[in-house]
Amino acid sequence: MLELFLFTLGTSSLLIAYILYGLATRRGLVAPNRASWLIWSATTTTEALTYNAVNQGAAQNVVFLISSIACIAVTLS
């Protein structure tokens, strides 16, 4: 039960943070640094892949996958 709560909290916090960052970027309140986000995208994707390789089938892989996809989306935008 605690694991499900923490998983839901982590995933929803991650999604809310990226949504708020995206809204702030569209409004011009934030100017993303492409080089910084490229580094974050590469490291987050590497982390997601290695975590998945070590912990296959774990629900936590979803958190890393979402973070990796969000980082790549910010970099490309």
Protein backbone atom coordinates (compact mmCIF):
# COMPACT_ATOMS: atom_id res chain seq x y z
CA MET A 1 0.00 0.00 0.00
CA LEU A 2 2.80 2.42 0.90
CA GLU A 3 4.66 1.53 -2.30
CA LEU A 4 1.60 2.32 -4.42
CA PHE A 5 1.18 5.66 -2.66
CA LEU A 6 4.83 6.58 -3.17
CA PHE A 7 4.71 5.48 -6.81
CA THR A 8 1.60 7.58 -7.44
CA LEU A 9 3.08 10.55 -5.59
CA GLY A 10 6.34 10.34 -7.52
CA THR A 11 4.72 9.96 -10.92
CA SER A 12 2.16 12.71 -10.38
CA SER A 13 4.80 15.10 -8.97
CA LEU A 14 6.97 14.48 -12.00
CA LEU A 15 4.14 15.11 -14.45
CA ILE A 16 2.95 18.23 -12.64
CA ALA A 17 6.48 19.66 -12.57
CA TYR A 18 6.98 19.18 -16.31
CA ILE A 19 3.53 20.61 -17.09
CA LEU A 20 4.24 23.70 -14.99
CA TYR A 21 7.66 24.10 -16.61
CA GLY A 22 6.10 23.79 -20.05
CA LEU A 23 3.48 26.43 -19.23
CA ALA A 24 6.15 28.78 -17.88
CA THR A 25 8.20 28.25 -21.04
CA ARG A 26 5.23 29.04 -23.30
CA ARG A 27 4.52 32.23 -21.35
CA GLY A 28 8.14 33.33 -21.70
CA LEU A 29 8.85 33.17 -17.98
CA VAL A 30 11.56 30.56 -18.47
CA ALA A 31 14.15 30.26 -21.24
CA PRO A 32 15.43 26.67 -21.36
CA ASN A 33 19.11 26.18 -22.06
CA ARG A 34 19.33 23.64 -24.90
CA ALA A 35 22.77 22.38 -23.93
CA SER A 36 21.68 21.80 -20.35
CA TRP A 37 18.51 19.98 -21.40
CA LEU A 38 20.47 17.88 -23.91
CA ILE A 39 22.75 16.76 -21.08
CA TRP A 40 19.73 16.04 -18.84
CA SER A 41 18.06 14.09 -21.65
CA ALA A 42 21.13 11.94 -22.23
CA THR A 43 21.72 11.22 -18.55
CA THR A 44 18.06 10.57 -17.77
CA THR A 45 17.70 8.23 -20.74
CA THR A 46 20.86 6.38 -19.71
CA GLU A 47 19.56 6.12 -16.15
CA ALA A 48 16.19 4.84 -17.37
CA LEU A 49 17.80 2.20 -19.57
CA THR A 50 20.21 0.97 -16.90
CA TYR A 51 17.51 0.92 -14.22
CA ASN A 52 15.29 -1.09 -16.54
CA ALA A 53 18.13 -3.52 -17.25
CA VAL A 54 18.72 -4.11 -13.54
CA ASN A 55 15.08 -4.05 -12.37
CA GLN A 56 13.08 -5.58 -15.19
CA GLY A 57 9.35 -5.45 -14.71
CA ALA A 58 9.49 -2.99 -11.81
CA ALA A 59 6.79 -0.33 -11.76
CA GLN A 60 9.40 2.30 -10.95
CA ASN A 61 10.68 2.00 -14.51
CA VAL A 62 7.66 4.06 -15.57
CA VAL A 63 8.88 7.06 -13.54
CA PHE A 64 12.27 7.01 -15.26
CA LEU A 65 10.68 6.48 -18.67
CA ILE A 66 8.31 9.44 -18.25
CA SER A 67 11.17 11.63 -17.07
CA SER A 68 13.31 10.61 -20.03
CA ILE A 69 10.54 11.32 -22.54
CA ALA A 70 9.77 14.67 -20.91
CA CYS A 71 13.42 15.71 -20.99
CA ILE A 72 13.69 14.83 -24.66
CA ALA A 73 10.46 16.74 -25.39
CA VAL A 74 11.80 19.86 -23.66
CA THR A 75 15.08 19.56 -25.55
CA LEU A 76 13.34 19.25 -28.91
CA SER A 77 10.92 22.06 -28.22
